[in-house]
Amino acid sequence: MYSTSPSYYDYYSYPSPSVSSSAVGAGLASAIGAFTLVFIMLIILAFVVLGIIAQWKIFKKAGEEGWKALIPIYNVYTLLNILSMEPLLCLLSFVPGAWFILSIVMDVKLAQSFKKGTGFALGLIFLGPIFSLILAFGSAKYTKLPSSK
């Protein structure tokens, strides 16, 4: 009846690969997560580039060279000069709480230097990239503020 000798199928049949549904789900979740991460990073990159473009144009309106917006600490130093504030305040960028307060003061002074009101200053504080683009590409003219040094 049954043969004890190995047959052709014993030597040449391989187990069929089986993938569990949990492995498929994990792979799909990883792919969706990777796509989402890349998408979010592209959005952040777009905001950074728009912020640099806006700062470049604001520097040009204030009579400074636009390339100064590209250098991390030097751009704050230049902006403090534009706002007639003490340039050494850029050292506060290393102090988290102080930097937060200084950035609010700088946004208010930036709005004032372009003859904008309190509402625009609040826009710069809470929606900085959008209101910076409005300053950069709008018709607002820069006027030097009295020195607070």
Protein backbone atom coordinates (compact mmCIF):
# COMPACT_ATOMS: atom_id res chain seq x y z
CA MET A 1 0.00 0.00 0.00
CA TYR A 2 2.24 2.74 1.25
CA SER A 3 5.78 2.86 0.08
CA THR A 4 8.49 3.71 2.57
CA SER A 5 10.88 4.88 -0.08
CA PRO A 6 11.05 8.61 -0.69
CA SER A 7 9.18 9.81 -3.72
CA TYR A 8 9.91 12.56 -6.17
CA TYR A 9 7.67 15.00 -4.27
CA ASP A 10 9.50 14.42 -1.03
CA TYR A 11 12.74 15.76 -2.50
CA TYR A 12 11.45 18.54 -4.73
CA SER A 13 8.48 19.99 -3.01
CA TYR A 14 9.17 23.07 -0.97
CA PRO A 15 6.94 24.51 1.63
CA SER A 16 4.93 27.34 0.17
CA PRO A 17 5.82 30.66 1.70
CA SER A 18 3.07 31.88 3.89
CA VAL A 19 2.79 35.36 5.24
CA SER A 20 0.57 35.97 8.16
CA SER A 21 -1.93 38.78 8.02
CA SER A 22 -0.27 40.45 11.01
CA ALA A 23 3.01 40.68 9.07
CA VAL A 24 1.20 42.24 6.13
CA GLY A 25 -0.49 44.70 8.46
CA ALA A 26 2.80 45.60 10.10
CA GLY A 27 4.43 46.19 6.72
CA LEU A 28 1.54 48.32 5.56
CA ALA A 29 1.62 50.34 8.78
CA SER A 30 5.37 50.89 8.37
CA ALA A 31 4.92 52.07 4.79
CA ILE A 32 2.15 54.48 5.80
CA GLY A 33 4.25 55.76 8.70
CA ALA A 34 7.28 56.32 6.47
CA PHE A 35 5.17 58.15 3.87
CA THR A 36 3.62 60.33 6.58
CA LEU A 37 7.03 61.16 8.03
CA VAL A 38 8.41 62.15 4.63
CA PHE A 39 5.30 64.24 3.93
CA ILE A 40 5.60 66.09 7.25
CA MET A 41 9.31 66.68 6.69
CA LEU A 42 8.58 68.17 3.26
CA ILE A 43 6.01 70.52 4.78
CA ILE A 44 8.50 71.62 7.45
CA LEU A 45 11.16 72.15 4.79
CA ALA A 46 8.73 74.28 2.77
CA PHE A 47 8.03 76.47 5.83
CA VAL A 48 11.76 76.86 6.51
CA VAL A 49 12.45 77.86 2.91
CA LEU A 50 9.54 80.33 2.92
CA GLY A 51 10.82 81.79 6.21
CA ILE A 52 14.29 82.27 4.76
CA ILE A 53 12.86 83.92 1.64
CA ALA A 54 10.73 86.24 3.76
CA GLN A 55 13.63 87.19 6.01
CA TRP A 56 15.86 87.76 2.95
CA LYS A 57 13.29 90.19 1.48
CA ILE A 58 12.79 91.96 4.83
CA PHE A 59 16.55 92.44 5.14
CA LYS A 60 16.65 93.86 1.59
CA LYS A 61 13.82 96.30 2.42
CA ALA A 62 15.77 97.43 5.49
CA GLY A 63 18.91 98.07 3.44
CA GLU A 64 20.86 94.99 4.55
CA GLU A 65 22.27 92.24 2.37
CA GLY A 66 19.84 89.35 1.91
CA TRP A 67 22.43 86.60 2.35
CA LYS A 68 22.70 87.55 6.02
CA ALA A 69 19.39 85.71 6.53
CA LEU A 70 21.13 82.40 5.78
CA ILE A 71 23.61 82.40 8.66
CA PRO A 72 21.94 81.20 11.87
CA ILE A 73 23.17 83.53 14.67
CA TYR A 74 24.23 86.34 12.34
CA ASN A 75 20.67 86.70 11.04
CA VAL A 76 19.45 87.47 14.57
CA TYR A 77 22.35 89.91 15.03
CA THR A 78 21.38 91.65 11.78
CA LEU A 79 17.70 91.72 12.68
CA LEU A 80 18.53 93.29 16.05
CA ASN A 81 20.53 95.97 14.18
CA ILE A 82 17.58 96.58 11.85
CA LEU A 83 15.27 96.95 14.86
CA SER A 84 17.67 99.39 16.58
CA MET A 85 18.18 97.01 19.48
CA GLU A 86 21.42 95.96 21.15
CA PRO A 87 23.00 93.38 18.81
CA LEU A 88 24.57 91.44 21.66
CA LEU A 89 21.08 90.41 22.71
CA CYS A 90 21.51 87.63 20.14
CA LEU A 91 23.42 85.80 22.87
CA LEU A 92 20.05 85.31 24.55
CA SER A 93 19.27 82.78 21.84
CA PHE A 94 21.11 80.31 24.05
CA VAL A 95 18.77 80.96 26.99
CA PRO A 96 15.37 79.33 26.30
CA GLY A 97 13.07 81.51 28.40
CA ALA A 98 14.84 84.75 27.58
CA TRP A 99 14.83 83.93 23.88
CA PHE A 100 11.06 83.44 23.94
CA ILE A 101 10.51 86.90 25.45
CA LEU A 102 13.07 88.52 23.14
CA SER A 103 11.43 87.03 20.05
CA ILE A 104 8.08 88.56 21.07
CA VAL A 105 9.72 91.96 21.59
CA MET A 106 11.45 91.62 18.21
CA ASP A 107 8.16 90.80 16.45
CA VAL A 108 6.48 93.87 17.98
CA LYS A 109 9.40 96.10 16.97
CA LEU A 110 9.43 94.58 13.48
CA ALA A 111 5.77 95.46 13.06
CA GLN A 112 6.47 99.00 14.30
CA SER A 113 9.41 99.45 11.94
CA PHE A 114 7.09 98.73 9.01
CA LYS A 115 4.36 101.05 10.40
CA LYS A 116 2.05 98.17 11.31
CA GLY A 117 -0.19 98.03 14.36
CA THR A 118 -0.73 95.73 17.31
CA GLY A 119 -2.86 93.29 15.29
CA PHE A 120 -0.06 92.78 12.81
CA ALA A 121 2.41 92.31 15.69
CA LEU A 122 0.15 89.59 17.11
CA GLY A 123 0.07 88.01 13.65
CA LEU A 124 3.87 87.98 13.59
CA ILE A 125 3.95 86.37 17.02
CA PHE A 126 1.40 83.63 16.37
CA LEU A 127 1.58 83.14 12.58
CA GLY A 128 5.14 84.28 11.94
CA PRO A 129 5.85 82.75 8.52
CA ILE A 130 2.61 84.06 6.98
CA PHE A 131 2.93 87.59 8.34
CA SER A 132 6.65 87.69 7.51
CA LEU A 133 5.74 86.91 3.89
CA ILE A 134 3.15 89.69 3.98
CA LEU A 135 5.84 92.11 5.20
CA ALA A 136 8.35 90.85 2.67
CA PHE A 137 6.18 90.93 -0.43
CA GLY A 138 3.68 93.61 0.57
CA SER A 139 3.90 97.35 0.03
CA ALA A 140 5.07 98.13 3.58
CA LYS A 141 8.07 100.44 3.77
CA TYR A 142 10.79 100.14 6.38
CA THR A 143 11.47 103.08 8.69
CA LYS A 144 14.33 103.00 11.17
CA LEU A 145 13.16 103.07 14.76
CA PRO A 146 14.81 105.27 17.37
CA SER A 147 17.66 103.45 19.04
CA SER A 148 16.93 101.59 22.26
CA LYS A 149 20.57 100.70 22.85
